PDB file of all heavy atoms in Angstrom:
ATOM      1  N   ALA A   1      88.373 131.335  97.481  1.00  0.00           N
ATOM      2  CA  ALA A   1      88.600 130.430  96.405  1.00  0.00           C
ATOM      3  C   ALA A   1      89.863 130.782  95.624  1.00  0.00           C
ATOM      4  O   ALA A   1      90.646 129.922  95.205  1.00  0.00           O
ATOM      5  CB  ALA A   1      87.359 130.364  95.427  1.00  0.00           C
ATOM      6  N   ILE A   2      90.013 132.076  95.411  1.00  0.00           N
ATOM      7  CA  ILE A   2      91.249 132.556  94.688  1.00  0.00           C
ATOM      8  C   ILE A   2      92.482 132.223  95.601  1.00  0.00           C
ATOM      9  O   ILE A   2      93.556 131.673  95.148  1.00  0.00           O
ATOM     10  CB  ILE A   2      91.197 134.079  94.425  1.00  0.00           C
ATOM     11  CG1 ILE A   2      90.083 134.335  93.419  1.00  0.00           C
ATOM     12  CG2 ILE A   2      92.522 134.634  93.935  1.00  0.00           C
ATOM     13  CD1 ILE A   2      89.791 135.839  93.156  1.00  0.00           C
ATOM     14  N   LYS A   3      92.365 132.545  96.913  1.00  0.00           N
ATOM     15  CA  LYS A   3      93.490 132.315  97.774  1.00  0.00           C
ATOM     16  C   LYS A   3      93.787 130.812  97.921  1.00  0.00           C
ATOM     17  O   LYS A   3      94.950 130.345  97.936  1.00  0.00           O
ATOM     18  CB  LYS A   3      93.089 132.736  99.255  1.00  0.00           C
ATOM     19  CG  LYS A   3      92.962 134.301  99.393  1.00  0.00           C
ATOM     20  CD  LYS A   3      94.301 134.954  99.295  1.00  0.00           C
ATOM     21  CE  LYS A   3      94.113 136.499  99.487  1.00  0.00           C
ATOM     22  NZ  LYS A   3      93.764 136.809 100.928  1.00  0.00           N
ATOM     23  N   LEU A   4      92.733 129.992  98.003  1.00  0.00           N
ATOM     24  CA  LEU A   4      92.915 128.479  98.073  1.00  0.00           C
ATOM     25  C   LEU A   4      93.600 128.007  96.715  1.00  0.00           C
ATOM     26  O   LEU A   4      94.411 127.118  96.846  1.00  0.00           O
ATOM     27  CB  LEU A   4      91.644 127.829  98.250  1.00  0.00           C
ATOM     28  CG  LEU A   4      91.674 126.259  98.526  1.00  0.00           C
ATOM     29  CD1 LEU A   4      92.495 125.948  99.786  1.00  0.00           C
ATOM     30  CD2 LEU A   4      90.292 125.669  98.606  1.00  0.00           C
ATOM     31  N   SER A   5      93.188 128.514  95.573  1.00  0.00           N
ATOM     32  CA  SER A   5      93.753 128.077  94.329  1.00  0.00           C
ATOM     33  C   SER A   5      95.161 128.469  94.242  1.00  0.00           C
ATOM     34  O   SER A   5      95.989 127.775  93.602  1.00  0.00           O
ATOM     35  CB  SER A   5      92.919 128.736  93.217  1.00  0.00           C
ATOM     36  OG  SER A   5      93.362 128.249  91.965  1.00  0.00           O
ATOM     37  N   GLN A   6      95.589 129.576  94.890  1.00  0.00           N
ATOM     38  CA  GLN A   6      97.021 129.935  94.851  1.00  0.00           C
ATOM     39  C   GLN A   6      97.813 129.167  95.819  1.00  0.00           C
ATOM     40  O   GLN A   6      99.013 128.929  95.548  1.00  0.00           O
ATOM     41  CB  GLN A   6      97.123 131.508  95.212  1.00  0.00           C
ATOM     42  CG  GLN A   6      96.483 132.414  94.284  1.00  0.00           C
ATOM     43  CD  GLN A   6      96.390 133.832  94.755  1.00  0.00           C
ATOM     44  OE1 GLN A   6      96.555 134.067  95.968  1.00  0.00           O
ATOM     45  NE2 GLN A   6      96.119 134.739  93.840  1.00  0.00           N
ATOM     46  N   LYS A   7      97.164 128.608  96.863  1.00  0.00           N
ATOM     47  CA  LYS A   7      97.885 127.895  97.936  1.00  0.00           C
ATOM     48  C   LYS A   7      97.987 126.413  97.608  1.00  0.00           C
ATOM     49  O   LYS A   7      98.994 125.766  97.921  1.00  0.00           O
ATOM     50  CB  LYS A   7      97.217 128.185  99.295  1.00  0.00           C
ATOM     51  CG  LYS A   7      97.909 127.469 100.431  1.00  0.00           C
ATOM     52  CD  LYS A   7      97.227 127.857 101.743  1.00  0.00           C
ATOM     53  CE  LYS A   7      97.914 127.158 103.002  1.00  0.00           C
ATOM     54  NZ  LYS A   7      97.246 127.520 104.250  1.00  0.00           N
ATOM     55  N   LYS A   8      96.951 125.785  97.036  1.00  0.00           N
ATOM     56  CA  LYS A   8      96.874 124.400  96.794  1.00  0.00           C
ATOM     57  C   LYS A   8      96.867 124.104  95.294  1.00  0.00           C
ATOM     58  O   LYS A   8      96.437 124.960  94.488  1.00  0.00           O
ATOM     59  CB  LYS A   8      95.650 123.809  97.495  1.00  0.00           C
ATOM     60  CG  LYS A   8      95.610 123.969  98.948  1.00  0.00           C
ATOM     61  CD  LYS A   8      96.686 123.125  99.640  1.00  0.00           C
ATOM     62  CE  LYS A   8      96.510 123.166 101.149  1.00  0.00           C
ATOM     63  NZ  LYS A   8      97.553 122.295 101.899  1.00  0.00           N
ATOM     64  N   SER A   9      97.312 122.892  94.919  1.00  0.00           N
ATOM     65  CA  SER A   9      97.287 122.471  93.580  1.00  0.00           C
ATOM     66  C   SER A   9      95.914 122.086  93.060  1.00  0.00           C
ATOM     67  O   SER A   9      94.978 121.849  93.936  1.00  0.00           O
ATOM     68  CB  SER A   9      98.241 121.248  93.366  1.00  0.00           C
ATOM     69  OG  SER A   9      97.729 120.164  93.988  1.00  0.00           O
ATOM     70  N   LYS A  10      95.685 122.094  91.753  1.00  0.00           N
ATOM     71  CA  LYS A  10      94.377 121.700  91.194  1.00  0.00           C
ATOM     72  C   LYS A  10      94.022 120.321  91.618  1.00  0.00           C
ATOM     73  O   LYS A  10      92.922 120.055  91.992  1.00  0.00           O
ATOM     74  CB  LYS A  10      94.412 121.925  89.721  1.00  0.00           C
ATOM     75  CG  LYS A  10      94.372 123.322  89.209  1.00  0.00           C
ATOM     76  CD  LYS A  10      92.968 123.888  89.340  1.00  0.00           C
ATOM     77  CE  LYS A  10      92.895 125.349  88.749  1.00  0.00           C
ATOM     78  NZ  LYS A  10      91.499 125.867  88.786  1.00  0.00           N
ATOM     79  N   PRO A  11      94.925 119.322  91.469  1.00  0.00           N
ATOM     80  CA  PRO A  11      94.608 117.951  91.819  1.00  0.00           C
ATOM     81  C   PRO A  11      94.228 117.846  93.308  1.00  0.00           C
ATOM     82  O   PRO A  11      93.327 117.118  93.637  1.00  0.00           O
ATOM     83  CB  PRO A  11      95.934 117.160  91.504  1.00  0.00           C
ATOM     84  CG  PRO A  11      96.596 117.976  90.505  1.00  0.00           C
ATOM     85  CD  PRO A  11      96.317 119.307  90.783  1.00  0.00           C
ATOM     86  N   TRP A  12      94.843 118.586  94.183  1.00  0.00           N
ATOM     87  CA  TRP A  12      94.569 118.574  95.660  1.00  0.00           C
ATOM     88  C   TRP A  12      93.136 119.036  95.867  1.00  0.00           C
ATOM     89  O   TRP A  12      92.394 118.477  96.630  1.00  0.00           O
ATOM     90  CB  TRP A  12      95.517 119.373  96.373  1.00  0.00           C
ATOM     91  CG  TRP A  12      95.366 119.325  97.914  1.00  0.00           C
ATOM     92  CD1 TRP A  12      95.962 118.474  98.781  1.00  0.00           C
ATOM     93  CD2 TRP A  12      94.417 120.121  98.710  1.00  0.00           C
ATOM     94  NE1 TRP A  12      95.496 118.699 100.073  1.00  0.00           N
ATOM     95  CE2 TRP A  12      94.547 119.723 100.030  1.00  0.00           C
ATOM     96  CE3 TRP A  12      93.548 121.111  98.423  1.00  0.00           C
ATOM     97  CZ2 TRP A  12      93.788 120.327 101.095  1.00  0.00           C
ATOM     98  CZ3 TRP A  12      92.786 121.691  99.421  1.00  0.00           C
ATOM     99  CH2 TRP A  12      92.933 121.278 100.730  1.00  0.00           C
ATOM    100  N   ILE A  13      92.760 120.219  95.223  1.00  0.00           N
ATOM    101  CA  ILE A  13      91.417 120.765  95.436  1.00  0.00           C
ATOM    102  C   ILE A  13      90.379 119.798  94.970  1.00  0.00           C
ATOM    103  O   ILE A  13      89.382 119.591  95.607  1.00  0.00           O
ATOM    104  CB  ILE A  13      91.379 122.151  94.755  1.00  0.00           C
ATOM    105  CG1 ILE A  13      92.262 123.188  95.355  1.00  0.00           C
ATOM    106  CG2 ILE A  13      89.920 122.689  94.645  1.00  0.00           C
ATOM    107  CD1 ILE A  13      92.434 124.430  94.613  1.00  0.00           C
ATOM    108  N   LEU A  14      90.595 119.233  93.764  1.00  0.00           N
ATOM    109  CA  LEU A  14      89.654 118.365  93.144  1.00  0.00           C
ATOM    110  C   LEU A  14      89.419 117.104  94.044  1.00  0.00           C
ATOM    111  O   LEU A  14      88.350 116.611  94.311  1.00  0.00           O
ATOM    112  CB  LEU A  14      89.993 117.922  91.767  1.00  0.00           C
ATOM    113  CG  LEU A  14      89.071 117.017  91.056  1.00  0.00           C
ATOM    114  CD1 LEU A  14      87.637 117.616  90.935  1.00  0.00           C
ATOM    115  CD2 LEU A  14      89.530 116.684  89.587  1.00  0.00           C
ATOM    116  N   ASN A  15      90.594 116.563  94.584  1.00  0.00           N
ATOM    117  CA  ASN A  15      90.455 115.357  95.371  1.00  0.00           C
ATOM    118  C   ASN A  15      89.706 115.675  96.752  1.00  0.00           C
ATOM    119  O   ASN A  15      88.935 114.862  97.167  1.00  0.00           O
ATOM    120  CB  ASN A  15      91.898 114.813  95.713  1.00  0.00           C
ATOM    121  CG  ASN A  15      91.935 113.598  96.629  1.00  0.00           C
ATOM    122  OD1 ASN A  15      92.107 113.830  97.842  1.00  0.00           O
ATOM    123  ND2 ASN A  15      91.702 112.470  96.148  1.00  0.00           N
ATOM    124  N   THR A  16      90.076 116.811  97.302  1.00  0.00           N
ATOM    125  CA  THR A  16      89.386 117.149  98.568  1.00  0.00           C
ATOM    126  C   THR A  16      87.916 117.389  98.360  1.00  0.00           C
ATOM    127  O   THR A  16      87.164 116.988  99.158  1.00  0.00           O
ATOM    128  CB  THR A  16      90.054 118.432  99.116  1.00  0.00           C
ATOM    129  OG1 THR A  16      91.444 118.283  99.279  1.00  0.00           O
ATOM    130  CG2 THR A  16      89.471 118.766 100.537  1.00  0.00           C
ATOM    131  N   TYR A  17      87.561 117.995  97.240  1.00  0.00           N
ATOM    132  CA  TYR A  17      86.105 118.172  96.882  1.00  0.00           C
ATOM    133  C   TYR A  17      85.408 116.804  96.760  1.00  0.00           C
ATOM    134  O   TYR A  17      84.386 116.608  97.335  1.00  0.00           O
ATOM    135  CB  TYR A  17      85.997 118.961  95.621  1.00  0.00           C
ATOM    136  CG  TYR A  17      84.610 119.120  95.085  1.00  0.00           C
ATOM    137  CD1 TYR A  17      83.690 120.056  95.563  1.00  0.00           C
ATOM    138  CD2 TYR A  17      84.099 118.186  94.035  1.00  0.00           C
ATOM    139  CE1 TYR A  17      82.438 120.149  95.138  1.00  0.00           C
ATOM    140  CE2 TYR A  17      82.776 118.312  93.637  1.00  0.00           C
ATOM    141  CZ  TYR A  17      81.982 119.211  94.163  1.00  0.00           C
ATOM    142  OH  TYR A  17      80.691 119.353  93.688  1.00  0.00           O
ATOM    143  N   LEU A  18      86.037 115.967  96.060  1.00  0.00           N
ATOM    144  CA  LEU A  18      85.395 114.664  95.827  1.00  0.00           C
ATOM    145  C   LEU A  18      85.286 113.794  97.025  1.00  0.00           C
ATOM    146  O   LEU A  18      84.397 112.972  97.187  1.00  0.00           O
ATOM    147  CB  LEU A  18      86.222 113.816  94.774  1.00  0.00           C
ATOM    148  CG  LEU A  18      86.149 114.330  93.311  1.00  0.00           C
ATOM    149  CD1 LEU A  18      87.150 113.690  92.366  1.00  0.00           C
ATOM    150  CD2 LEU A  18      84.731 114.150  92.705  1.00  0.00           C
ATOM    151  N   ASN A  19      86.168 114.155  98.061  1.00  0.00           N
ATOM    152  CA  ASN A  19      86.070 113.390  99.338  1.00  0.00           C
ATOM    153  C   ASN A  19      85.231 114.027 100.391  1.00  0.00           C
ATOM    154  O   ASN A  19      85.072 113.484 101.475  1.00  0.00           O
ATOM    155  CB  ASN A  19      87.496 113.238  99.874  1.00  0.00           C
ATOM    156  CG  ASN A  19      88.201 112.075  99.271  1.00  0.00           C
ATOM    157  OD1 ASN A  19      87.725 110.889  99.382  1.00  0.00           O
ATOM    158  ND2 ASN A  19      89.365 112.276  98.703  1.00  0.00           N
ATOM    159  N   SER A  20      84.620 115.222 100.087  1.00  0.00           N
ATOM    160  CA  SER A  20      83.829 115.934 101.079  1.00  0.00           C
ATOM    161  C   SER A  20      82.453 116.316 100.638  1.00  0.00           C
ATOM    162  O   SER A  20      81.626 116.630 101.516  1.00  0.00           O
ATOM    163  CB  SER A  20      84.567 117.206 101.537  1.00  0.00           C
ATOM    164  OG  SER A  20      84.805 118.049 100.409  1.00  0.00           O
ATOM    165  N   VAL A  21      82.184 116.357  99.337  1.00  0.00           N
ATOM    166  CA  VAL A  21      80.874 116.810  98.864  1.00  0.00           C
ATOM    167  C   VAL A  21      79.772 115.793  99.193  1.00  0.00           C
ATOM    168  O   VAL A  21      80.040 114.597  99.309  1.00  0.00           O
ATOM    169  CB  VAL A  21      80.906 117.095  97.324  1.00  0.00           C
ATOM    170  CG1 VAL A  21      81.021 115.755  96.569  1.00  0.00           C
ATOM    171  CG2 VAL A  21      79.731 117.881  96.900  1.00  0.00           C
ATOM    172  N   TYR A  22      78.556 116.299  99.372  1.00  0.00           N
ATOM    173  CA  TYR A  22      77.414 115.405  99.851  1.00  0.00           C
ATOM    174  C   TYR A  22      76.697 114.808  98.624  1.00  0.00           C
ATOM    175  O   TYR A  22      76.372 115.563  97.677  1.00  0.00           O
ATOM    176  CB  TYR A  22      76.406 116.217 100.668  1.00  0.00           C
ATOM    177  CG  TYR A  22      75.280 115.437 101.171  1.00  0.00           C
ATOM    178  CD1 TYR A  22      75.483 114.294 101.950  1.00  0.00           C
ATOM    179  CD2 TYR A  22      73.912 115.847 100.993  1.00  0.00           C
ATOM    180  CE1 TYR A  22      74.438 113.613 102.440  1.00  0.00           C
ATOM    181  CE2 TYR A  22      72.898 115.111 101.489  1.00  0.00           C
ATOM    182  CZ  TYR A  22      73.146 113.995 102.237  1.00  0.00           C
ATOM    183  OH  TYR A  22      72.080 113.221 102.666  1.00  0.00           O
ATOM    184  N   TYR A  23      76.586 113.499  98.598  1.00  0.00           N
ATOM    185  CA  TYR A  23      75.936 112.784  97.503  1.00  0.00           C
ATOM    186  C   TYR A  23      74.611 112.214  97.849  1.00  0.00           C
ATOM    187  O   TYR A  23      73.990 111.485  97.082  1.00  0.00           O
ATOM    188  CB  TYR A  23      76.804 111.608  97.043  1.00  0.00           C
ATOM    189  CG  TYR A  23      78.096 112.032  96.355  1.00  0.00           C
ATOM    190  CD1 TYR A  23      79.177 112.278  97.079  1.00  0.00           C
ATOM    191  CD2 TYR A  23      78.034 112.282  94.947  1.00  0.00           C
ATOM    192  CE1 TYR A  23      80.371 112.665  96.341  1.00  0.00           C
ATOM    193  CE2 TYR A  23      79.205 112.628  94.230  1.00  0.00           C
ATOM    194  CZ  TYR A  23      80.366 112.843  94.967  1.00  0.00           C
ATOM    195  OH  TYR A  23      81.484 113.225  94.289  1.00  0.00           O
ATOM    196  N   GLY A  24      74.029 112.659  99.010  1.00  0.00           N
ATOM    197  CA  GLY A  24      72.647 112.180  99.468  1.00  0.00           C
ATOM    198  C   GLY A  24      72.736 110.887 100.122  1.00  0.00           C
ATOM    199  O   GLY A  24      73.725 110.173 100.146  1.00  0.00           O
ATOM    200  N   ASN A  25      71.648 110.515 100.824  1.00  0.00           N
ATOM    201  CA  ASN A  25      71.510 109.289 101.610  1.00  0.00           C
ATOM    202  C   ASN A  25      72.699 109.112 102.629  1.00  0.00           C
ATOM    203  O   ASN A  25      73.283 108.044 102.713  1.00  0.00           O
ATOM    204  CB  ASN A  25      71.384 108.052 100.655  1.00  0.00           C
ATOM    205  CG  ASN A  25      70.037 108.022  99.978  1.00  0.00           C
ATOM    206  OD1 ASN A  25      69.034 107.684 100.673  1.00  0.00           O
ATOM    207  ND2 ASN A  25      70.045 108.329  98.750  1.00  0.00           N
ATOM    208  N   HIS A  26      73.072 110.178 103.287  1.00  0.00           N
ATOM    209  CA  HIS A  26      74.031 110.196 104.319  1.00  0.00           C
ATOM    210  C   HIS A  26      75.459 109.905 103.831  1.00  0.00           C
ATOM    211  O   HIS A  26      76.363 109.674 104.631  1.00  0.00           O
ATOM    212  CB  HIS A  26      73.707 109.207 105.489  1.00  0.00           C
ATOM    213  CG  HIS A  26      72.316 109.367 105.970  1.00  0.00           C
ATOM    214  ND1 HIS A  26      71.922 110.388 106.695  1.00  0.00           N
ATOM    215  CD2 HIS A  26      71.244 108.499 105.758  1.00  0.00           C
ATOM    216  CE1 HIS A  26      70.589 110.237 107.030  1.00  0.00           C
ATOM    217  NE2 HIS A  26      70.196 109.078 106.407  1.00  0.00           N
TER     218      HIS A  26
END
């Protein structure tokens, strides 16, 4: 997580998280 935070910007990490996290019901 530290390495990723150093390599990628905060907006990129948040956008990638929002596009990959599981919200239920497939």
